[in-house]
Amino acid sequence: MDLNMPRLNGLEATRRIHELSPSIRILILTLHENSVLSRIARDSGAQGYFLKSEPFDVLTRAIENMGDSEKFFGSSRH
């Protein structure tokens, strides 16, 4: 999920998806390195928050962590 989308921002979309189906795992992909947005994303139902500036192997790890039902916020597991 991207935070910046044309009709509905990613945080609101995440919140709505999570309300309808809490089992769907959502990873936020963003350019915004912002701890407040990361917390809001988590509170909205996202299981991960990934900076687009991170190396590709970190994205791979984020996806793997989420596939293992873990959360990923930044470069570490949560």
N, C-alpha and C. Protein backbone atom coordinates (compact mmCIF):
# COMPACT_ATOMS: atom_id res chain seq x y z
N MET A 1 0.85 -1.17 0.00
CA MET A 1 0.00 0.00 0.00
C MET A 1 0.90 1.23 0.00
N ASP A 2 0.61 2.16 -0.87
CA ASP A 2 1.33 3.44 -0.87
C ASP A 2 0.52 4.44 -0.05
N LEU A 3 1.19 5.34 0.62
CA LEU A 3 0.47 6.36 1.40
C LEU A 3 -0.20 7.39 0.51
N ASN A 4 0.44 7.74 -0.59
CA ASN A 4 -0.08 8.78 -1.49
C ASN A 4 -0.77 8.13 -2.69
N MET A 5 -2.09 8.17 -2.66
CA MET A 5 -2.88 7.63 -3.77
C MET A 5 -3.89 8.70 -4.18
N PRO A 6 -4.37 8.66 -5.41
CA PRO A 6 -5.19 9.75 -5.94
C PRO A 6 -6.53 9.99 -5.24
N ARG A 7 -7.30 8.98 -4.95
CA ARG A 7 -8.65 9.20 -4.42
C ARG A 7 -8.78 8.95 -2.93
N LEU A 8 -8.01 8.04 -2.44
CA LEU A 8 -8.09 7.65 -1.04
C LEU A 8 -6.68 7.43 -0.54
N ASN A 9 -6.28 8.12 0.53
CA ASN A 9 -4.90 7.95 0.99
C ASN A 9 -4.70 6.54 1.55
N GLY A 10 -3.47 6.11 1.57
CA GLY A 10 -3.14 4.75 1.98
C GLY A 10 -3.51 4.43 3.41
N LEU A 11 -3.44 5.41 4.30
CA LEU A 11 -3.80 5.15 5.69
C LEU A 11 -5.30 4.87 5.82
N GLU A 12 -6.12 5.66 5.13
CA GLU A 12 -7.57 5.43 5.19
C GLU A 12 -7.93 4.12 4.49
N ALA A 13 -7.28 3.83 3.37
CA ALA A 13 -7.53 2.56 2.68
C ALA A 13 -7.15 1.39 3.58
N THR A 14 -6.02 1.50 4.26
CA THR A 14 -5.58 0.45 5.19
C THR A 14 -6.61 0.26 6.29
N ARG A 15 -7.07 1.36 6.87
CA ARG A 15 -8.07 1.28 7.94
C ARG A 15 -9.33 0.56 7.47
N ARG A 16 -9.80 0.93 6.28
CA ARG A 16 -11.04 0.32 5.75
C ARG A 16 -10.84 -1.16 5.45
N ILE A 17 -9.72 -1.50 4.84
CA ILE A 17 -9.44 -2.92 4.53
C ILE A 17 -9.36 -3.71 5.83
N HIS A 18 -8.65 -3.18 6.81
CA HIS A 18 -8.49 -3.88 8.09
C HIS A 18 -9.83 -4.08 8.78
N GLU A 19 -10.70 -3.10 8.71
CA GLU A 19 -12.04 -3.24 9.30
C GLU A 19 -12.84 -4.35 8.63
N LEU A 20 -12.75 -4.42 7.30
CA LEU A 20 -13.51 -5.43 6.54
C LEU A 20 -12.92 -6.82 6.65
N SER A 21 -11.60 -6.90 6.71
CA SER A 21 -10.94 -8.20 6.74
C SER A 21 -9.62 -8.10 7.50
N PRO A 22 -9.66 -8.24 8.82
CA PRO A 22 -8.46 -8.07 9.64
C PRO A 22 -7.34 -9.07 9.33
N SER A 23 -7.65 -10.15 8.64
CA SER A 23 -6.62 -11.15 8.34
C SER A 23 -5.73 -10.74 7.16
N ILE A 24 -6.15 -9.74 6.39
CA ILE A 24 -5.33 -9.27 5.27
C ILE A 24 -4.14 -8.52 5.85
N ARG A 25 -2.94 -8.88 5.40
CA ARG A 25 -1.71 -8.29 5.90
C ARG A 25 -1.29 -7.17 4.95
N ILE A 26 -1.11 -5.97 5.49
CA ILE A 26 -0.83 -4.79 4.67
C ILE A 26 0.55 -4.24 5.01
N LEU A 27 1.36 -4.06 3.98
CA LEU A 27 2.68 -3.45 4.11
C LEU A 27 2.62 -2.09 3.44
N ILE A 28 2.89 -1.04 4.21
CA ILE A 28 2.93 0.32 3.68
C ILE A 28 4.29 0.53 3.02
N LEU A 29 4.29 1.01 1.78
CA LEU A 29 5.52 1.37 1.06
C LEU A 29 5.49 2.88 0.89
N THR A 30 6.55 3.56 1.37
CA THR A 30 6.51 5.01 1.38
C THR A 30 7.89 5.64 1.27
N LEU A 31 7.89 6.89 0.87
CA LEU A 31 9.11 7.70 0.88
C LEU A 31 9.24 8.44 2.21
N HIS A 32 8.19 8.43 3.02
CA HIS A 32 8.10 9.23 4.23
C HIS A 32 8.72 8.52 5.44
N GLU A 33 9.91 8.96 5.83
CA GLU A 33 10.56 8.43 7.03
C GLU A 33 10.07 9.27 8.20
N ASN A 34 8.99 8.79 8.80
CA ASN A 34 8.29 9.58 9.80
C ASN A 34 7.71 8.63 10.85
N SER A 35 8.19 8.73 12.07
CA SER A 35 7.74 7.82 13.12
C SER A 35 6.25 8.01 13.44
N VAL A 36 5.75 9.22 13.28
CA VAL A 36 4.33 9.48 13.52
C VAL A 36 3.49 8.74 12.49
N LEU A 37 3.87 8.83 11.20
CA LEU A 37 3.13 8.11 10.16
C LEU A 37 3.23 6.61 10.35
N SER A 38 4.39 6.14 10.77
CA SER A 38 4.56 4.71 11.03
C SER A 38 3.61 4.25 12.13
N ARG A 39 3.49 5.04 13.19
CA ARG A 39 2.58 4.69 14.29
C ARG A 39 1.12 4.73 13.83
N ILE A 40 0.78 5.75 13.04
CA ILE A 40 -0.59 5.85 12.53
C ILE A 40 -0.89 4.66 11.61
N ALA A 41 0.08 4.27 10.79
CA ALA A 41 -0.10 3.11 9.91
C ALA A 41 -0.37 1.86 10.75
N ARG A 42 0.41 1.67 11.80
CA ARG A 42 0.21 0.51 12.70
C ARG A 42 -1.17 0.58 13.33
N ASP A 43 -1.56 1.76 13.81
CA ASP A 43 -2.88 1.93 14.44
C ASP A 43 -4.02 1.73 13.44
N SER A 44 -3.74 1.95 12.16
CA SER A 44 -4.75 1.78 11.11
C SER A 44 -4.92 0.32 10.69
N GLY A 45 -4.00 -0.53 11.14
CA GLY A 45 -4.11 -1.95 10.83
C GLY A 45 -2.99 -2.50 9.97
N ALA A 46 -2.02 -1.67 9.58
CA ALA A 46 -0.90 -2.18 8.79
C ALA A 46 0.00 -3.06 9.65
N GLN A 47 0.57 -4.08 9.05
CA GLN A 47 1.50 -4.95 9.75
C GLN A 47 2.95 -4.60 9.41
N GLY A 48 3.12 -3.62 8.50
CA GLY A 48 4.47 -3.24 8.15
C GLY A 48 4.52 -1.84 7.57
N TYR A 49 5.72 -1.25 7.66
CA TYR A 49 5.96 0.10 7.16
C TYR A 49 7.37 0.08 6.58
N PHE A 50 7.48 0.22 5.27
CA PHE A 50 8.75 0.06 4.58
C PHE A 50 9.10 1.32 3.81
N LEU A 51 10.31 1.81 4.01
CA LEU A 51 10.79 2.98 3.28
C LEU A 51 11.30 2.57 1.91
N LYS A 52 10.85 3.26 0.88
CA LYS A 52 11.27 2.95 -0.48
C LYS A 52 12.76 3.16 -0.70
N SER A 53 13.39 3.91 0.19
CA SER A 53 14.82 4.15 0.08
C SER A 53 15.66 3.00 0.64
N GLU A 54 15.02 2.05 1.31
CA GLU A 54 15.73 0.90 1.87
C GLU A 54 16.22 -0.02 0.74
N PRO A 55 17.30 -0.75 0.98
CA PRO A 55 17.79 -1.71 -0.03
C PRO A 55 16.75 -2.81 -0.31
N PHE A 56 16.84 -3.37 -1.49
CA PHE A 56 15.90 -4.41 -1.93
C PHE A 56 15.88 -5.59 -0.96
N ASP A 57 17.04 -5.98 -0.42
CA ASP A 57 17.06 -7.13 0.49
C ASP A 57 16.25 -6.87 1.76
N VAL A 58 16.12 -5.62 2.15
CA VAL A 58 15.31 -5.28 3.32
C VAL A 58 13.82 -5.46 2.98
N LEU A 59 13.44 -5.10 1.75
CA LEU A 59 12.06 -5.33 1.31
C LEU A 59 11.77 -6.83 1.31
N THR A 60 12.71 -7.61 0.81
CA THR A 60 12.54 -9.07 0.81
C THR A 60 12.33 -9.57 2.24
N ARG A 61 13.13 -9.08 3.17
CA ARG A 61 13.00 -9.48 4.58
C ARG A 61 11.65 -9.06 5.15
N ALA A 62 11.21 -7.85 4.79
CA ALA A 62 9.90 -7.37 5.26
C ALA A 62 8.79 -8.30 4.80
N ILE A 63 8.82 -8.67 3.53
CA ILE A 63 7.79 -9.56 2.98
C ILE A 63 7.86 -10.93 3.64
N GLU A 64 9.07 -11.44 3.82
CA GLU A 64 9.22 -12.74 4.49
C GLU A 64 8.71 -12.69 5.92
N ASN A 65 9.06 -11.63 6.65
CA ASN A 65 8.57 -11.49 8.03
C ASN A 65 7.05 -11.49 8.06
N MET A 66 6.45 -10.72 7.18
CA MET A 66 4.99 -10.63 7.16
C MET A 66 4.37 -11.96 6.75
N GLY A 67 5.04 -12.69 5.87
CA GLY A 67 4.56 -14.01 5.48
C GLY A 67 4.59 -14.98 6.65
N ASP A 68 5.48 -14.73 7.60
CA ASP A 68 5.59 -15.55 8.81
C ASP A 68 4.72 -15.00 9.93
N SER A 69 3.76 -14.15 9.57
CA SER A 69 2.83 -13.52 10.53
C SER A 69 3.53 -12.61 11.53
N GLU A 70 4.68 -12.08 11.16
CA GLU A 70 5.35 -11.08 12.00
C GLU A 70 5.04 -9.71 11.44
N LYS A 71 5.43 -8.70 12.18
CA LYS A 71 5.25 -7.33 11.72
C LYS A 71 6.61 -6.76 11.34
N PHE A 72 6.60 -5.72 10.52
CA PHE A 72 7.85 -5.10 10.07
C PHE A 72 7.66 -3.59 10.01
N PHE A 73 8.34 -2.89 10.89
CA PHE A 73 8.28 -1.43 10.90
C PHE A 73 9.71 -0.93 10.93
N GLY A 74 10.20 -0.47 9.78
CA GLY A 74 11.59 -0.07 9.66
C GLY A 74 12.45 -1.27 9.34
N SER A 75 13.70 -1.24 9.76
CA SER A 75 14.64 -2.30 9.42
C SER A 75 14.66 -3.42 10.43
N SER A 76 13.68 -3.46 11.33
CA SER A 76 13.68 -4.53 12.33
C SER A 76 12.29 -5.11 12.49
N ARG A 77 12.22 -6.29 13.07
CA ARG A 77 10.94 -6.93 13.33
C ARG A 77 10.30 -6.32 14.57
N HIS A 78 8.96 -6.32 14.60
CA HIS A 78 8.20 -5.83 15.76
C HIS A 78 7.04 -6.75 16.02
